[in-house]
Amino acid sequence: MIAVDLGNTRAKLGLFRNGNNSKTVYETVPKPDSVLALDAFGVESSDFGVVVDWLNDLDEPVTWYIAQTGNFAWEELQVKLAQFRPQDRFIKISYGDVPIPMDVEFPEKLGLDRLLSVYAAFCWRTFNAASFEREMRILVVDAGSAITVDLLAGEGYFAGGAILPGLNAMAESLSKISSRLPHIMTGDISFAVYPGKNTEEAIAAGIYWGAIGAIRQFHQLVQTTLRDADLPSRVPIFLVGGDAEHLQIGLSLFMESKDLFLFPDFVLSGIALAVQNNDEF
């Protein structure tokens, strides 16, 4: 199968072969054999050639499971793929296909990427039950166009979370306030030094450590609630998405490495797990 995560600025395609053994990778969560990331584009012939090359050695029919988590335009690309690979099937998945309870007001409005990542975390916790406290809470931080901080509840359901602007979105918003504030690139924010010695460094420090501070605050809120209920307060953080590695550096200054996990393709793993564990597919 091929899992497809359609974000706002790019699409990620992950190939899972039949031989993928979920007990040997990603701490017992399936990891794609290979991943192709596509920036938003108009499906030019040269762009589509990248997809053709990626699929070059794939002769058998494949089912594509597509999660529309953002605004990436998929329809035109799917038409070209169907012409190139007429033997394949294309199936869009929805929140109802992810077998995890949700304690939110409007499940149908919940970002599918958030739900899939928390479901992957639930499966990871289940597979590793012998190594962790029973009903351990997990924070799943997806750092992309937006940064989402979601909670896997101890009872095994999606408990809700928080949404804040991503690193690049914060940089863009500052540059719109005043022409005197430059727009800096995400690469310049990856690990910002404080105090900044010029405007660019000060902006980078505010964005980076502001994001780190927000995540730490949500983490502490969960820990405080657990302590008040006289429950174990260990809460691992799973980092997902394009800027996850950048945030891992800052968070590692305040957290033990055993409680900080980097899963770059966790949404794709969540798609594979949802398909694997749903009898409707």
Protein backbone atom coordinates (compact mmCIF):
# COMPACT_ATOMS: atom_id res chain seq x y z
CA MET A 1 0.00 0.00 0.00
CA ILE A 2 0.94 3.65 -0.34
CA ALA A 3 -0.11 6.05 2.40
CA VAL A 4 -0.63 9.65 1.32
CA ASP A 5 -0.57 12.59 3.75
CA LEU A 6 -1.81 15.71 1.97
CA GLY A 7 -0.69 18.70 4.03
CA ASN A 8 -0.93 22.42 3.31
CA THR A 9 2.40 22.95 1.57
CA ARG A 10 3.39 19.45 0.51
CA ALA A 11 2.30 15.85 0.19
CA LYS A 12 4.15 12.90 1.71
CA LEU A 13 3.84 9.48 0.09
CA GLY A 14 4.95 6.41 2.00
CA LEU A 15 5.33 2.93 0.53
CA PHE A 16 4.54 -0.01 2.82
CA ARG A 17 5.36 -3.39 1.34
CA ASN A 18 3.75 -6.67 2.43
CA GLY A 19 6.99 -7.73 4.06
CA ASN A 20 7.02 -4.75 6.45
CA ASN A 21 7.25 -6.20 9.96
CA SER A 22 5.64 -3.83 12.44
CA LYS A 23 7.52 -5.47 15.33
CA THR A 24 10.97 -4.41 14.16
CA VAL A 25 10.66 -0.72 13.29
CA TYR A 26 9.50 2.51 14.92
CA GLU A 27 9.41 0.80 18.30
CA THR A 28 6.84 -1.69 16.93
CA VAL A 29 4.94 0.78 14.76
CA PRO A 30 5.23 0.28 10.98
CA LYS A 31 7.57 2.62 9.18
CA PRO A 32 7.36 3.23 5.41
CA ASP A 33 10.00 1.49 3.30
CA SER A 34 10.48 4.69 1.33
CA VAL A 35 9.01 8.20 1.41
CA LEU A 36 8.52 10.79 -1.30
CA ALA A 37 7.79 14.41 -0.33
CA LEU A 38 6.26 16.69 -2.96
CA ASP A 39 6.01 20.45 -2.65
CA ALA A 40 2.77 22.07 -3.76
CA PHE A 41 2.92 22.23 -7.53
CA GLY A 42 0.79 22.19 -10.68
CA VAL A 43 1.75 18.67 -11.71
CA GLU A 44 4.18 19.74 -14.39
CA SER A 45 5.62 16.91 -16.45
CA SER A 46 9.00 17.26 -14.76
CA ASP A 47 7.37 17.12 -11.32
CA PHE A 48 5.38 14.03 -12.21
CA GLY A 49 8.58 12.42 -13.44
CA VAL A 50 9.79 12.38 -9.82
CA VAL A 51 6.76 10.27 -8.89
CA VAL A 52 7.31 7.96 -11.87
CA ASP A 53 10.92 7.40 -10.84
CA TRP A 54 9.85 6.65 -7.26
CA LEU A 55 7.40 4.00 -8.50
CA ASN A 56 9.79 2.61 -11.09
CA ASP A 57 10.37 -0.81 -9.52
CA LEU A 58 6.81 -1.28 -8.29
CA ASP A 59 5.17 -3.74 -10.70
CA GLU A 60 2.37 -5.18 -8.56
CA PRO A 61 -1.00 -3.41 -8.08
CA VAL A 62 -1.09 -0.99 -5.16
CA THR A 63 -3.86 0.57 -3.10
CA TRP A 64 -3.35 4.23 -2.26
CA TYR A 65 -4.90 5.37 1.05
CA ILE A 66 -5.23 9.13 1.04
CA ALA A 67 -5.62 11.37 4.08
CA GLN A 68 -6.55 14.96 3.17
CA THR A 69 -5.01 16.82 6.10
CA GLY A 70 -4.42 20.16 4.36
CA ASN A 71 -4.97 22.09 1.13
CA PHE A 72 -2.59 20.22 -1.17
CA ALA A 73 -4.28 19.83 -4.56
CA TRP A 74 -4.42 16.09 -5.15
CA GLU A 75 -7.09 15.52 -7.80
CA GLU A 76 -5.00 16.39 -10.85
CA LEU A 77 -2.10 14.29 -9.60
CA GLN A 78 -4.42 11.33 -8.97
CA VAL A 79 -5.76 11.55 -12.54
CA LYS A 80 -2.23 11.31 -13.91
CA LEU A 81 -1.39 8.47 -11.54
CA ALA A 82 -4.50 6.54 -12.62
CA GLN A 83 -3.44 6.89 -16.24
CA PHE A 84 0.09 5.79 -15.43
CA ARG A 85 -0.99 2.94 -13.13
CA PRO A 86 -4.51 1.82 -14.15
CA GLN A 87 -4.20 -1.31 -12.00
CA ASP A 88 -4.06 0.71 -8.75
CA ARG A 89 -6.91 1.69 -6.43
CA PHE A 90 -7.31 5.07 -4.73
CA ILE A 91 -9.23 5.29 -1.44
CA LYS A 92 -9.72 8.43 0.66
CA ILE A 93 -9.93 7.82 4.39
CA SER A 94 -11.86 9.91 6.92
CA TYR A 95 -11.95 10.32 10.69
CA GLY A 96 -14.48 7.46 10.90
CA ASP A 97 -11.87 5.05 9.50
CA VAL A 98 -9.48 5.60 12.42
CA PRO A 99 -10.39 3.13 15.19
CA ILE A 100 -9.85 5.32 18.25
CA PRO A 101 -12.46 7.06 20.46
CA MET A 102 -12.48 10.87 20.47
CA ASP A 103 -13.46 13.21 23.30
CA VAL A 104 -14.01 16.31 21.17
CA GLU A 105 -17.09 18.33 20.26
CA PHE A 106 -16.95 17.95 16.48
CA PRO A 107 -15.03 14.82 15.40
CA GLU A 108 -15.78 15.47 11.73
CA LYS A 109 -13.92 18.79 11.94
CA LEU A 110 -10.84 17.37 13.61
CA GLY A 111 -7.65 17.52 11.54
CA LEU A 112 -7.10 14.01 10.23
CA ASP A 113 -3.32 14.27 10.63
CA ARG A 114 -3.77 14.99 14.36
CA LEU A 115 -6.02 11.98 14.78
CA LEU A 116 -3.73 9.65 12.82
CA SER A 117 -0.65 10.65 14.82
CA VAL A 118 -2.42 10.11 18.15
CA TYR A 119 -3.70 6.75 16.90
CA ALA A 120 -0.15 5.74 15.97
CA ALA A 121 0.92 6.79 19.49
CA PHE A 122 -1.86 4.64 20.96
CA CYS A 123 -0.65 1.62 18.96
CA TRP A 124 2.96 2.32 19.99
CA ARG A 125 1.90 2.43 23.64
CA THR A 126 -0.05 -0.81 23.26
CA PHE A 127 2.87 -2.64 21.62
CA ASN A 128 5.23 -1.41 24.36
CA ALA A 129 2.90 -1.98 27.32
CA ALA A 130 5.46 -4.04 29.21
CA SER A 131 7.98 -1.19 29.25
CA PHE A 132 5.81 1.71 30.45
CA GLU A 133 3.34 2.61 33.16
CA ARG A 134 -0.19 1.39 32.61
CA GLU A 135 -2.35 3.94 30.81
CA MET A 136 0.57 6.33 30.29
CA ARG A 137 -0.43 9.66 28.74
CA ILE A 138 1.44 10.82 25.63
CA LEU A 139 1.73 14.28 24.08
CA VAL A 140 1.93 14.22 20.29
CA VAL A 141 3.47 17.39 18.83
CA ASP A 142 3.07 17.78 15.06
CA ALA A 143 5.30 20.62 13.87
CA GLY A 144 4.30 21.66 10.36
CA SER A 145 2.45 24.68 8.93
CA ALA A 146 0.84 24.77 12.35
CA ILE A 147 2.10 23.21 15.57
CA THR A 148 -0.46 20.95 17.22
CA VAL A 149 -0.03 19.57 20.73
CA ASP A 150 -2.47 16.70 21.27
CA LEU A 151 -3.07 14.37 24.18
CA LEU A 152 -3.50 10.61 24.13
CA ALA A 153 -5.51 9.97 27.29
CA GLY A 154 -4.63 7.15 29.65
CA GLU A 155 -7.81 5.32 28.75
CA GLY A 156 -6.75 5.27 25.10
CA TYR A 157 -8.73 8.03 23.40
CA PHE A 158 -8.00 11.30 21.62
CA ALA A 159 -8.51 13.85 24.39
CA GLY A 160 -8.11 17.07 22.36
CA GLY A 161 -5.20 19.48 22.29
CA ALA A 162 -3.93 22.88 21.23
CA ILE A 163 -3.07 24.55 17.92
CA LEU A 164 -0.54 27.34 17.48
CA PRO A 165 1.20 28.82 14.43
CA GLY A 166 4.12 26.89 12.99
CA LEU A 167 7.61 28.38 12.97
CA ASN A 168 7.31 29.74 9.44
CA ALA A 169 3.78 31.04 10.03
CA MET A 170 5.00 33.00 13.05
CA ALA A 171 7.84 34.45 10.98
CA GLU A 172 5.43 35.50 8.23
CA SER A 173 3.02 37.11 10.69
CA LEU A 174 5.77 39.26 12.19
CA SER A 175 6.93 40.47 8.80
CA LYS A 176 3.35 41.64 8.07
CA ILE A 177 3.22 43.79 11.20
CA SER A 178 5.88 46.18 9.98
CA SER A 179 8.10 46.52 6.95
CA ARG A 180 10.97 47.01 9.40
CA LEU A 181 10.63 43.44 10.63
CA PRO A 182 12.29 41.06 8.16
CA HIS A 183 10.84 37.68 7.23
CA ILE A 184 13.35 35.04 8.27
CA MET A 185 13.42 31.48 6.98
CA THR A 186 12.66 28.41 9.09
CA GLY A 187 16.24 27.23 8.72
CA ASP A 188 17.35 30.32 10.63
CA ILE A 189 14.96 29.45 13.46
CA SER A 190 16.07 25.83 13.89
CA PHE A 191 17.95 26.55 17.12
CA ALA A 192 17.97 30.21 17.98
CA VAL A 193 20.40 31.74 20.47
CA TYR A 194 19.05 34.03 23.17
CA PRO A 195 19.60 36.92 23.61
CA GLY A 196 19.59 37.89 19.96
CA LYS A 197 22.13 40.56 19.00
CA ASN A 198 20.24 41.92 15.99
CA THR A 199 16.65 42.04 14.74
CA GLU A 200 16.86 38.76 12.86
CA GLU A 201 18.34 36.91 15.83
CA ALA A 202 15.76 38.43 18.19
CA ILE A 203 12.91 37.31 15.92
CA ALA A 204 14.38 33.82 15.60
CA ALA A 205 14.77 33.57 19.38
CA GLY A 206 11.21 34.74 20.02
CA ILE A 207 9.73 32.28 17.53
CA TYR A 208 11.83 29.25 18.48
CA TRP A 209 11.79 29.57 22.25
CA GLY A 210 8.18 30.72 22.18
CA ALA A 211 7.24 27.43 20.52
CA ILE A 212 9.41 25.44 22.94
CA GLY A 213 7.89 27.30 25.89
CA ALA A 214 4.33 26.61 24.72
CA ILE A 215 5.00 22.89 24.35
CA ARG A 216 6.66 22.74 27.77
CA GLN A 217 3.69 24.54 29.33
CA PHE A 218 1.17 22.06 27.91
CA HIS A 219 3.40 19.23 29.08
CA GLN A 220 3.53 20.65 32.60
CA LEU A 221 -0.25 21.13 32.66
CA VAL A 222 -0.76 17.42 31.96
CA GLN A 223 1.84 16.45 34.56
CA THR A 224 0.21 18.70 37.18
CA THR A 225 -3.20 17.13 36.54
CA LEU A 226 -1.72 13.66 36.97
CA ARG A 227 0.06 14.60 40.21
CA ASP A 228 -3.15 16.09 41.60
CA ALA A 229 -4.88 12.78 40.86
CA ASP A 230 -2.01 10.86 42.50
CA LEU A 231 -1.11 9.18 39.19
CA PRO A 232 2.35 8.60 37.63
CA SER A 233 3.33 11.89 36.01
CA ARG A 234 5.67 10.60 33.31
CA VAL A 235 4.41 11.97 29.97
CA PRO A 236 6.55 11.23 26.88
CA ILE A 237 6.47 13.65 23.95
CA PHE A 238 6.30 12.34 20.39
CA LEU A 239 7.60 14.82 17.81
CA VAL A 240 6.14 14.60 14.31
CA GLY A 241 6.33 16.71 11.15
CA GLY A 242 8.79 18.78 9.16
CA ASP A 243 10.10 20.93 12.02
CA ALA A 244 10.09 18.13 14.61
CA GLU A 245 13.85 17.67 14.55
CA HIS A 246 14.40 21.40 15.15
CA LEU A 247 12.14 21.35 18.21
CA GLN A 248 13.76 18.19 19.56
CA ILE A 249 17.03 20.08 20.08
CA GLY A 250 15.45 22.71 22.32
CA LEU A 251 13.18 20.32 24.23
CA SER A 252 16.11 17.99 24.93
CA LEU A 253 17.56 20.69 27.21
CA PHE A 254 14.60 20.28 29.56
CA MET A 255 13.57 16.64 29.17
CA GLU A 256 15.21 13.26 29.56
CA SER A 257 15.99 11.56 26.25
CA LYS A 258 13.93 8.50 27.26
CA ASP A 259 10.78 10.66 27.19
CA LEU A 260 11.44 12.45 23.88
CA PHE A 261 10.80 10.55 20.64
CA LEU A 262 11.24 11.66 17.02
CA PHE A 263 8.85 10.08 14.49
CA PRO A 264 9.19 12.04 11.19
CA ASP A 265 6.63 9.94 9.26
CA PHE A 266 4.17 9.17 12.05
CA VAL A 267 1.10 10.30 10.08
CA LEU A 268 1.98 7.79 7.35
CA SER A 269 2.40 5.12 10.02
CA GLY A 270 -1.00 6.08 11.42
CA ILE A 271 -2.58 5.59 7.99
CA ALA A 272 -1.00 2.15 7.66
CA LEU A 273 -2.17 1.17 11.15
CA ALA A 274 -5.70 2.44 10.56
CA VAL A 275 -5.95 0.39 7.36
CA GLN A 276 -4.43 -2.65 9.04
CA ASN A 277 -6.77 -2.52 12.05
CA ASN A 278 -10.01 -1.56 10.29
CA ASP A 279 -12.11 -4.43 8.96
CA GLU A 280 -13.79 -2.09 6.45
CA PHE A 281 -10.67 -2.04 4.25
